[in-house]
């Protein structure tokens, strides 16, 4: 999947000072964060499946998909919306 980001001229200059390749640095940052999230998701999915005697899906892709389909995890956008709705309901 492709994403487009916008940096100011100053941000580009600063990143060029910090990294040999802005594109490679951005790709690496996103890929590494996704790797960390996958490890977290697999751990949550494994714990849920073991606690509920559910066969664990095969491979990272399968386990991430399974975690979503079983409701073990939700996107950050959904969690944020739910938290805001709960705060509004509670009057906070």
PDB file of N, CA and C in Angstrom:
ATOM      1  N   UNK A   1       0.837  -1.157   0.000  1.00  0.00           N
ATOM      2  CA  UNK A   1       0.000   0.000   0.000  1.00  0.00           C
ATOM      3  C   UNK A   1       0.890   1.230   0.000  1.00  0.00           C
ATOM      4  N   UNK A   2       0.514   2.220  -0.762  1.00  0.00           N
ATOM      5  CA  UNK A   2       1.272   3.462  -0.832  1.00  0.00           C
ATOM      6  C   UNK A   2       0.598   4.526   0.015  1.00  0.00           C
ATOM      7  N   UNK A   3       1.407   5.316   0.687  1.00  0.00           N
ATOM      8  CA  UNK A   3       0.939   6.453   1.459  1.00  0.00           C
ATOM      9  C   UNK A   3       1.706   7.677   1.007  1.00  0.00           C
ATOM     10  N   UNK A   4       1.056   8.807   1.017  1.00  0.00           N
ATOM     11  CA  UNK A   4       1.713  10.055   0.675  1.00  0.00           C
ATOM     12  C   UNK A   4       1.741  10.915   1.929  1.00  0.00           C
ATOM     13  N   UNK A   5       2.920  11.433   2.254  1.00  0.00           N
ATOM     14  CA  UNK A   5       3.033  12.337   3.392  1.00  0.00           C
ATOM     15  C   UNK A   5       3.548  13.675   2.897  1.00  0.00           C
ATOM     16  N   UNK A   6       3.331  14.697   3.677  1.00  0.00           N
ATOM     17  CA  UNK A   6       3.805  16.030   3.325  1.00  0.00           C
ATOM     18  C   UNK A   6       4.700  16.540   4.441  1.00  0.00           C
ATOM     19  N   UNK A   7       5.879  16.964   4.060  1.00  0.00           N
ATOM     20  CA  UNK A   7       6.816  17.571   4.991  1.00  0.00           C
ATOM     21  C   UNK A   7       7.101  18.993   4.523  1.00  0.00           C
ATOM     22  N   UNK A   8       7.316  19.869   5.478  1.00  0.00           N
ATOM     23  CA  UNK A   8       7.717  21.231   5.118  1.00  0.00           C
ATOM     24  C   UNK A   8       9.154  21.199   4.600  1.00  0.00           C
ATOM     25  N   UNK A   9       9.569  22.267   3.950  1.00  0.00           N
ATOM     26  CA  UNK A   9      10.950  22.341   3.467  1.00  0.00           C
ATOM     27  C   UNK A   9      11.932  22.190   4.624  1.00  0.00           C
ATOM     28  N   UNK A  10      11.618  22.786   5.753  1.00  0.00           N
ATOM     29  CA  UNK A  10      12.491  22.704   6.918  1.00  0.00           C
ATOM     30  C   UNK A  10      12.553  21.277   7.447  1.00  0.00           C
ATOM     31  N   UNK A  11      11.420  20.588   7.483  1.00  0.00           N
ATOM     32  CA  UNK A  11      11.412  19.194   7.923  1.00  0.00           C
ATOM     33  C   UNK A  11      12.243  18.323   6.996  1.00  0.00           C
ATOM     34  N   UNK A  12      12.155  18.553   5.693  1.00  0.00           N
ATOM     35  CA  UNK A  12      12.958  17.793   4.723  1.00  0.00           C
ATOM     36  C   UNK A  12      14.440  18.030   4.981  1.00  0.00           C
ATOM     37  N   UNK A  13      14.818  19.291   5.143  1.00  0.00           N
ATOM     38  CA  UNK A  13      16.229  19.599   5.399  1.00  0.00           C
ATOM     39  C   UNK A  13      16.710  18.942   6.686  1.00  0.00           C
ATOM     40  N   UNK A  14      15.906  19.002   7.721  1.00  0.00           N
ATOM     41  CA  UNK A  14      16.300  18.397   8.997  1.00  0.00           C
ATOM     42  C   UNK A  14      16.438  16.885   8.866  1.00  0.00           C
ATOM     43  N   UNK A  15      15.493  16.242   8.175  1.00  0.00           N
ATOM     44  CA  UNK A  15      15.566  14.801   8.011  1.00  0.00           C
ATOM     45  C   UNK A  15      16.758  14.414   7.138  1.00  0.00           C
ATOM     46  N   UNK A  16      17.070  15.235   6.140  1.00  0.00           N
ATOM     47  CA  UNK A  16      18.236  14.959   5.304  1.00  0.00           C
ATOM     48  C   UNK A  16      19.528  15.014   6.126  1.00  0.00           C
ATOM     49  N   UNK A  17      19.554  15.837   7.160  1.00  0.00           N
ATOM     50  CA  UNK A  17      20.709  15.886   8.042  1.00  0.00           C
ATOM     51  C   UNK A  17      20.800  14.619   8.886  1.00  0.00           C
ATOM     52  N   UNK A  18      19.632  14.067   9.271  1.00  0.00           N
ATOM     53  CA  UNK A  18      19.595  12.916  10.177  1.00  0.00           C
ATOM     54  C   UNK A  18      19.656  11.571   9.458  1.00  0.00           C
ATOM     55  N   UNK A  19      19.301  11.525   8.196  1.00  0.00           N
ATOM     56  CA  UNK A  19      19.204  10.241   7.488  1.00  0.00           C
ATOM     57  C   UNK A  19      19.843  10.341   6.103  1.00  0.00           C
ATOM     58  N   UNK A  20      20.452   9.247   5.687  1.00  0.00           N
ATOM     59  CA  UNK A  20      21.063   9.210   4.352  1.00  0.00           C
ATOM     60  C   UNK A  20      20.009   9.282   3.261  1.00  0.00           C
ATOM     61  N   UNK A  21      18.835   8.698   3.518  1.00  0.00           N
ATOM     62  CA  UNK A  21      17.741   8.691   2.548  1.00  0.00           C
ATOM     63  C   UNK A  21      16.430   8.906   3.303  1.00  0.00           C
ATOM     64  N   UNK A  22      15.757  10.014   3.016  1.00  0.00           N
ATOM     65  CA  UNK A  22      14.480  10.281   3.686  1.00  0.00           C
ATOM     66  C   UNK A  22      13.474   9.168   3.427  1.00  0.00           C
ATOM     67  N   UNK A  23      13.374   8.740   2.185  1.00  0.00           N
ATOM     68  CA  UNK A  23      12.417   7.693   1.832  1.00  0.00           C
ATOM     69  C   UNK A  23      12.719   6.396   2.585  1.00  0.00           C
ATOM     70  N   UNK A  24      13.984   6.000   2.611  1.00  0.00           N
ATOM     71  CA  UNK A  24      14.356   4.774   3.319  1.00  0.00           C
ATOM     72  C   UNK A  24      14.084   4.888   4.812  1.00  0.00           C
ATOM     73  N   UNK A  25      14.362   6.054   5.400  1.00  0.00           N
ATOM     74  CA  UNK A  25      14.127   6.246   6.826  1.00  0.00           C
ATOM     75  C   UNK A  25      12.636   6.134   7.139  1.00  0.00           C
ATOM     76  N   UNK A  26      11.800   6.773   6.334  1.00  0.00           N
ATOM     77  CA  UNK A  26      10.351   6.726   6.541  1.00  0.00           C
ATOM     78  C   UNK A  26       9.841   5.301   6.370  1.00  0.00           C
ATOM     79  N   UNK A  27      10.301   4.600   5.336  1.00  0.00           N
ATOM     80  CA  UNK A  27       9.905   3.207   5.109  1.00  0.00           C
ATOM     81  C   UNK A  27      10.306   2.331   6.286  1.00  0.00           C
ATOM     82  N   UNK A  28      11.541   2.509   6.756  1.00  0.00           N
ATOM     83  CA  UNK A  28      12.038   1.713   7.873  1.00  0.00           C
ATOM     84  C   UNK A  28      11.243   1.989   9.146  1.00  0.00           C
ATOM     85  N   UNK A  29      10.943   3.247   9.416  1.00  0.00           N
ATOM     86  CA  UNK A  29      10.176   3.602  10.621  1.00  0.00           C
ATOM     87  C   UNK A  29       8.793   2.951  10.591  1.00  0.00           C
ATOM     88  N   UNK A  30       8.115   3.037   9.461  1.00  0.00           N
ATOM     89  CA  UNK A  30       6.774   2.455   9.344  1.00  0.00           C
ATOM     90  C   UNK A  30       6.828   0.929   9.410  1.00  0.00           C
ATOM     91  N   UNK A  31       7.775   0.323   8.733  1.00  0.00           N
ATOM     92  CA  UNK A  31       7.897  -1.137   8.737  1.00  0.00           C
ATOM     93  C   UNK A  31       8.232  -1.660  10.122  1.00  0.00           C
ATOM     94  N   UNK A  32       9.106  -0.963  10.829  1.00  0.00           N
ATOM     95  CA  UNK A  32       9.487  -1.409  12.163  1.00  0.00           C
ATOM     96  C   UNK A  32       8.310  -1.274  13.135  1.00  0.00           C
ATOM     97  N   UNK A  33       7.539  -0.191  13.020  1.00  0.00           N
ATOM     98  CA  UNK A  33       6.380  -0.026  13.906  1.00  0.00           C
ATOM     99  C   UNK A  33       5.345  -1.109  13.612  1.00  0.00           C
ATOM    100  N   UNK A  34       5.165  -1.444  12.355  1.00  0.00           N
ATOM    101  CA  UNK A  34       4.238  -2.521  11.985  1.00  0.00           C
ATOM    102  C   UNK A  34       4.717  -3.855  12.536  1.00  0.00           C
ATOM    103  N   UNK A  35       6.024  -4.107  12.506  1.00  0.00           N
ATOM    104  CA  UNK A  35       6.583  -5.346  13.050  1.00  0.00           C
ATOM    105  C   UNK A  35       6.301  -5.458  14.544  1.00  0.00           C
ATOM    106  N   UNK A  36       6.493  -4.371  15.266  1.00  0.00           N
ATOM    107  CA  UNK A  36       6.212  -4.369  16.707  1.00  0.00           C
ATOM    108  C   UNK A  36       4.734  -4.634  16.957  1.00  0.00           C
ATOM    109  N   UNK A  37       3.872  -3.996  16.186  1.00  0.00           N
ATOM    110  CA  UNK A  37       2.430  -4.205  16.338  1.00  0.00           C
ATOM    111  C   UNK A  37       2.053  -5.652  16.028  1.00  0.00           C
ATOM    112  N   UNK A  38       2.647  -6.241  14.993  1.00  0.00           N
ATOM    113  CA  UNK A  38       2.350  -7.641  14.665  1.00  0.00           C
ATOM    114  C   UNK A  38       2.734  -8.565  15.808  1.00  0.00           C
ATOM    115  N   UNK A  39       3.889  -8.320  16.421  1.00  0.00           N
ATOM    116  CA  UNK A  39       4.304  -9.139  17.563  1.00  0.00           C
ATOM    117  C   UNK A  39       3.302  -9.017  18.710  1.00  0.00           C
ATOM    118  N   UNK A  40       2.840  -7.798  18.976  1.00  0.00           N
ATOM    119  CA  UNK A  40       1.837  -7.586  20.032  1.00  0.00           C
ATOM    120  C   UNK A  40       0.528  -8.301  19.705  1.00  0.00           C
ATOM    121  N   UNK A  41       0.095  -8.177  18.458  1.00  0.00           N
ATOM    122  CA  UNK A  41      -1.162  -8.795  18.023  1.00  0.00           C
ATOM    123  C   UNK A  41      -1.085 -10.314  18.122  1.00  0.00           C
ATOM    124  N   UNK A  42       0.023 -10.894  17.675  1.00  0.00           N
ATOM    125  CA  UNK A  42       0.191 -12.348  17.739  1.00  0.00           C
ATOM    126  C   UNK A  42       0.137 -12.820  19.186  1.00  0.00           C
ATOM    127  N   UNK A  43       0.770 -12.088  20.089  1.00  0.00           N
ATOM    128  CA  UNK A  43       0.738 -12.463  21.505  1.00  0.00           C
ATOM    129  C   UNK A  43      -0.682 -12.393  22.061  1.00  0.00           C
ATOM    130  N   UNK A  44      -1.413 -11.327  21.732  1.00  0.00           N
ATOM    131  CA  UNK A  44      -2.800 -11.202  22.198  1.00  0.00           C
ATOM    132  C   UNK A  44      -3.681 -12.301  21.613  1.00  0.00           C
ATOM    133  N   UNK A  45      -3.506 -12.573  20.319  1.00  0.00           N
ATOM    134  CA  UNK A  45      -4.307 -13.594  19.653  1.00  0.00           C
ATOM    135  C   UNK A  45      -4.005 -14.978  20.220  1.00  0.00           C
ATOM    136  N   UNK A  46      -2.730 -15.266  20.436  1.00  0.00           N
ATOM    137  CA  UNK A  46      -2.335 -16.568  20.989  1.00  0.00           C
ATOM    138  C   UNK A  46      -2.932 -16.763  22.379  1.00  0.00           C
ATOM    139  N   UNK A  47      -2.842 -15.746  23.214  1.00  0.00           N
ATOM    140  CA  UNK A  47      -3.400 -15.847  24.567  1.00  0.00           C
ATOM    141  C   UNK A  47      -4.911 -16.071  24.515  1.00  0.00           C
ATOM    142  N   UNK A  48      -5.588 -15.342  23.643  1.00  0.00           N
ATOM    143  CA  UNK A  48      -7.043 -15.490  23.511  1.00  0.00           C
ATOM    144  C   UNK A  48      -7.411 -16.885  23.014  1.00  0.00           C
ATOM    145  N   UNK A  49      -6.723 -17.330  21.988  1.00  0.00           N
ATOM    146  CA  UNK A  49      -7.024 -18.646  21.417  1.00  0.00           C
ATOM    147  C   UNK A  49      -6.744 -19.766  22.417  1.00  0.00           C
ATOM    148  N   UNK A  50      -5.626 -19.676  23.126  1.00  0.00           N
ATOM    149  CA  UNK A  50      -5.313 -20.694  24.124  1.00  0.00           C
ATOM    150  C   UNK A  50      -6.333 -20.703  25.249  1.00  0.00           C
ATOM    151  N   UNK A  51      -6.762 -19.536  25.706  1.00  0.00           N
ATOM    152  CA  UNK A  51      -7.733 -19.444  26.801  1.00  0.00           C
ATOM    153  C   UNK A  51      -9.110 -19.956  26.399  1.00  0.00           C
ATOM    154  N   UNK A  52      -9.390 -19.913  25.082  1.00  0.00           N
ATOM    155  CA  UNK A  52     -10.716 -20.297  24.601  1.00  0.00           C
ATOM    156  C   UNK A  52     -10.703 -21.550  23.731  1.00  0.00           C
ATOM    157  N   UNK A  53      -9.612 -22.300  23.750  1.00  0.00           N
ATOM    158  CA  UNK A  53      -9.464 -23.538  22.977  1.00  0.00           C
ATOM    159  C   UNK A  53      -9.801 -23.351  21.493  1.00  0.00           C
ATOM    160  N   UNK A  54      -9.249 -22.288  20.913  1.00  0.00           N
ATOM    161  CA  UNK A  54      -9.449 -21.987  19.500  1.00  0.00           C
ATOM    162  C   UNK A  54      -8.144 -22.282  18.769  1.00  0.00           C
ATOM    163  N   UNK A  55      -8.231 -22.964  17.627  1.00  0.00           N
ATOM    164  CA  UNK A  55      -7.039 -23.229  16.819  1.00  0.00           C
ATOM    165  C   UNK A  55      -6.467 -21.910  16.323  1.00  0.00           C
ATOM    166  N   UNK A  56      -5.166 -21.757  16.470  1.00  0.00           N
ATOM    167  CA  UNK A  56      -4.497 -20.531  16.056  1.00  0.00           C
ATOM    168  C   UNK A  56      -4.226 -20.591  14.560  1.00  0.00           C
ATOM    169  N   UNK A  57      -4.528 -19.485  13.882  1.00  0.00           N
ATOM    170  CA  UNK A  57      -4.295 -19.404  12.445  1.00  0.00           C
ATOM    171  C   UNK A  57      -2.801 -19.544  12.146  1.00  0.00           C
ATOM    172  N   UNK A  58      -2.492 -19.918  10.918  1.00  0.00           N
ATOM    173  CA  UNK A  58      -1.113 -20.148  10.495  1.00  0.00           C
ATOM    174  C   UNK A  58      -0.523 -18.855   9.936  1.00  0.00           C
ATOM    175  N   UNK A  59       0.677 -18.526  10.383  1.00  0.00           N
ATOM    176  CA  UNK A  59       1.420 -17.388   9.851  1.00  0.00           C
ATOM    177  C   UNK A  59       0.995 -16.058  10.444  1.00  0.00           C
ATOM    178  N   UNK A  60       1.862 -15.060  10.271  1.00  0.00           N
ATOM    179  CA  UNK A  60       1.581 -13.726  10.791  1.00  0.00           C
ATOM    180  C   UNK A  60       0.309 -13.128  10.197  1.00  0.00           C
ATOM    181  N   UNK A  61       0.189 -13.183   8.883  1.00  0.00           N
ATOM    182  CA  UNK A  61      -0.989 -12.615   8.220  1.00  0.00           C
ATOM    183  C   UNK A  61      -2.265 -13.281   8.733  1.00  0.00           C
ATOM    184  N   UNK A  62      -2.238 -14.601   8.836  1.00  0.00           N
ATOM    185  CA  UNK A  62      -3.405 -15.333   9.313  1.00  0.00           C
ATOM    186  C   UNK A  62      -3.755 -14.983  10.744  1.00  0.00           C
ATOM    187  N   UNK A  63      -2.737 -14.822  11.587  1.00  0.00           N
ATOM    188  CA  UNK A  63      -3.001 -14.516  12.991  1.00  0.00           C
ATOM    189  C   UNK A  63      -3.484 -13.081  13.186  1.00  0.00           C
ATOM    190  N   UNK A  64      -2.963 -12.147  12.411  1.00  0.00           N
ATOM    191  CA  UNK A  64      -3.454 -10.764  12.487  1.00  0.00           C
ATOM    192  C   UNK A  64      -4.917 -10.722  12.027  1.00  0.00           C
ATOM    193  N   UNK A  65      -5.210 -11.380  10.904  1.00  0.00           N
ATOM    194  CA  UNK A  65      -6.598 -11.442  10.423  1.00  0.00           C
ATOM    195  C   UNK A  65      -7.502 -12.101  11.455  1.00  0.00           C
ATOM    196  N   UNK A  66      -7.029 -13.178  12.068  1.00  0.00           N
ATOM    197  CA  UNK A  66      -7.821 -13.894  13.065  1.00  0.00           C
ATOM    198  C   UNK A  66      -8.100 -13.000  14.278  1.00  0.00           C
ATOM    199  N   UNK A  67      -7.107 -12.259  14.713  1.00  0.00           N
ATOM    200  CA  UNK A  67      -7.293 -11.381  15.874  1.00  0.00           C
ATOM    201  C   UNK A  67      -8.383 -10.351  15.605  1.00  0.00           C
ATOM    202  N   UNK A  68      -8.426  -9.810  14.403  1.00  0.00           N
ATOM    203  CA  UNK A  68      -9.499  -8.877  14.046  1.00  0.00           C
ATOM    204  C   UNK A  68     -10.850  -9.594  13.976  1.00  0.00           C
ATOM    205  N   UNK A  69     -10.885 -10.732  13.313  1.00  0.00           N
ATOM    206  CA  UNK A  69     -12.166 -11.427  13.117  1.00  0.00           C
ATOM    207  C   UNK A  69     -12.760 -11.940  14.419  1.00  0.00           C
ATOM    208  N   UNK A  70     -11.899 -12.284  15.385  1.00  0.00           N
ATOM    209  CA  UNK A  70     -12.391 -12.751  16.685  1.00  0.00           C
ATOM    210  C   UNK A  70     -12.707 -11.601  17.636  1.00  0.00           C
ATOM    211  N   UNK A  71     -12.380 -10.382  17.239  1.00  0.00           N
ATOM    212  CA  UNK A  71     -12.605  -9.236  18.106  1.00  0.00           C
ATOM    213  C   UNK A  71     -11.568  -9.088  19.205  1.00  0.00           C
ATOM    214  N   UNK A  72     -10.452  -9.782  19.046  1.00  0.00           N
ATOM    215  CA  UNK A  72      -9.369  -9.678  20.028  1.00  0.00           C
ATOM    216  C   UNK A  72      -8.772  -8.275  19.981  1.00  0.00           C
ATOM    217  N   UNK A  73      -8.702  -7.699  18.793  1.00  0.00           N
ATOM    218  CA  UNK A  73      -8.162  -6.356  18.609  1.00  0.00           C
ATOM    219  C   UNK A  73      -9.111  -5.526  17.756  1.00  0.00           C
ATOM    220  N   UNK A  74      -8.974  -4.217  17.873  1.00  0.00           N
ATOM    221  CA  UNK A  74      -9.685  -3.246  17.040  1.00  0.00           C
ATOM    222  C   UNK A  74      -8.655  -2.223  16.574  1.00  0.00           C
ATOM    223  N   UNK A  75      -8.971  -1.532  15.502  1.00  0.00           N
ATOM    224  CA  UNK A  75      -8.057  -0.496  15.040  1.00  0.00           C
ATOM    225  C   UNK A  75      -7.962   0.616  16.077  1.00  0.00           C
ATOM    226  N   UNK A  76      -6.871   1.361  16.021  1.00  0.00           N
ATOM    227  CA  UNK A  76      -6.698   2.493  16.929  1.00  0.00           C
ATOM    228  C   UNK A  76      -7.792   3.529  16.696  1.00  0.00           C
ATOM    229  N   UNK A  77      -8.221   3.699  15.459  1.00  0.00           N
ATOM    230  CA  UNK A  77      -9.287   4.664  15.157  1.00  0.00           C
ATOM    231  C   UNK A  77     -10.593   4.264  15.841  1.00  0.00           C
ATOM    232  N   UNK A  78     -10.920   2.981  15.802  1.00  0.00           N
ATOM    233  CA  UNK A  78     -12.151   2.502  16.452  1.00  0.00           C
ATOM    234  C   UNK A  78     -12.028   2.639  17.967  1.00  0.00           C
ATOM    235  N   UNK A  79     -10.882   2.267  18.523  1.00  0.00           N
ATOM    236  CA  UNK A  79     -10.698   2.386  19.979  1.00  0.00           C
ATOM    237  C   UNK A  79     -10.813   3.835  20.430  1.00  0.00           C
ATOM    238  N   UNK A  80     -10.235   4.750  19.652  1.00  0.00           N
ATOM    239  CA  UNK A  80     -10.311   6.171  19.994  1.00  0.00           C
ATOM    240  C   UNK A  80     -11.749   6.660  19.946  1.00  0.00           C
ATOM    241  N   UNK A  81     -12.478   6.288  18.901  1.00  0.00           N
ATOM    242  CA  UNK A  81     -13.883   6.690  18.782  1.00  0.00           C
ATOM    243  C   UNK A  81     -14.710   6.139  19.937  1.00  0.00           C
ATOM    244  N   UNK A  82     -14.472   4.887  20.309  1.00  0.00           N
ATOM    245  CA  UNK A  82     -15.200   4.287  21.428  1.00  0.00           C
ATOM    246  C   UNK A  82     -14.874   4.994  22.742  1.00  0.00           C
ATOM    247  N   UNK A  83     -13.607   5.328  22.948  1.00  0.00           N
ATOM    248  CA  UNK A  83     -13.218   6.038  24.157  1.00  0.00           C
ATOM    249  C   UNK A  83     -13.851   7.422  24.221  1.00  0.00           C
ATOM    250  N   UNK A  84     -13.880   8.128  23.101  1.00  0.00           N
ATOM    251  CA  UNK A  84     -14.520   9.448  23.074  1.00  0.00           C
ATOM    252  C   UNK A  84     -16.015   9.343  23.336  1.00  0.00           C
ATOM    253  N   UNK A  85     -16.650   8.336  22.753  1.00  0.00           N
ATOM    254  CA  UNK A  85     -18.082   8.130  22.984  1.00  0.00           C
ATOM    255  C   UNK A  85     -18.370   7.811  24.446  1.00  0.00           C
ATOM    256  N   UNK A  86     -17.524   6.996  25.047  1.00  0.00           N
ATOM    257  CA  UNK A  86     -17.703   6.643  26.458  1.00  0.00           C
ATOM    258  C   UNK A  86     -17.509   7.868  27.351  1.00  0.00           C
ATOM    259  N   UNK A  87     -16.532   8.709  27.023  1.00  0.00           N
ATOM    260  CA  UNK A  87     -16.304   9.924  27.802  1.00  0.00           C
ATOM    261  C   UNK A  87     -17.488  10.880  27.680  1.00  0.00           C
ATOM    262  N   UNK A  88     -18.036  10.995  26.486  1.00  0.00           N
ATOM    263  CA  UNK A  88     -19.194  11.855  26.264  1.00  0.00           C
ATOM    264  C   UNK A  88     -20.393  11.339  27.036  1.00  0.00           C
ATOM    265  N   UNK A  89     -20.581  10.036  27.015  1.00  0.00           N
ATOM    266  CA  UNK A  89     -21.697   9.402  27.735  1.00  0.00           C
ATOM    267  C   UNK A  89     -21.561   9.611  29.232  1.00  0.00           C
ATOM    268  N   UNK A  90     -20.337   9.506  29.740  1.00  0.00           N
ATOM    269  CA  UNK A  90     -20.078   9.665  31.163  1.00  0.00           C
ATOM    270  C   UNK A  90     -20.010  11.123  31.595  1.00  0.00           C
ATOM    271  N   UNK A  91     -20.034  12.035  30.618  1.00  0.00           N
ATOM    272  CA  UNK A  91     -19.986  13.452  30.929  1.00  0.00           C
ATOM    273  C   UNK A  91     -18.605  13.972  31.257  1.00  0.00           C
ATOM    274  N   UNK A  92     -17.580  13.228  30.899  1.00  0.00           N
ATOM    275  CA  UNK A  92     -16.200  13.666  31.201  1.00  0.00           C
ATOM    276  C   UNK A  92     -15.639  14.461  30.059  1.00  0.00           C
TER     277      UNK A  92
END
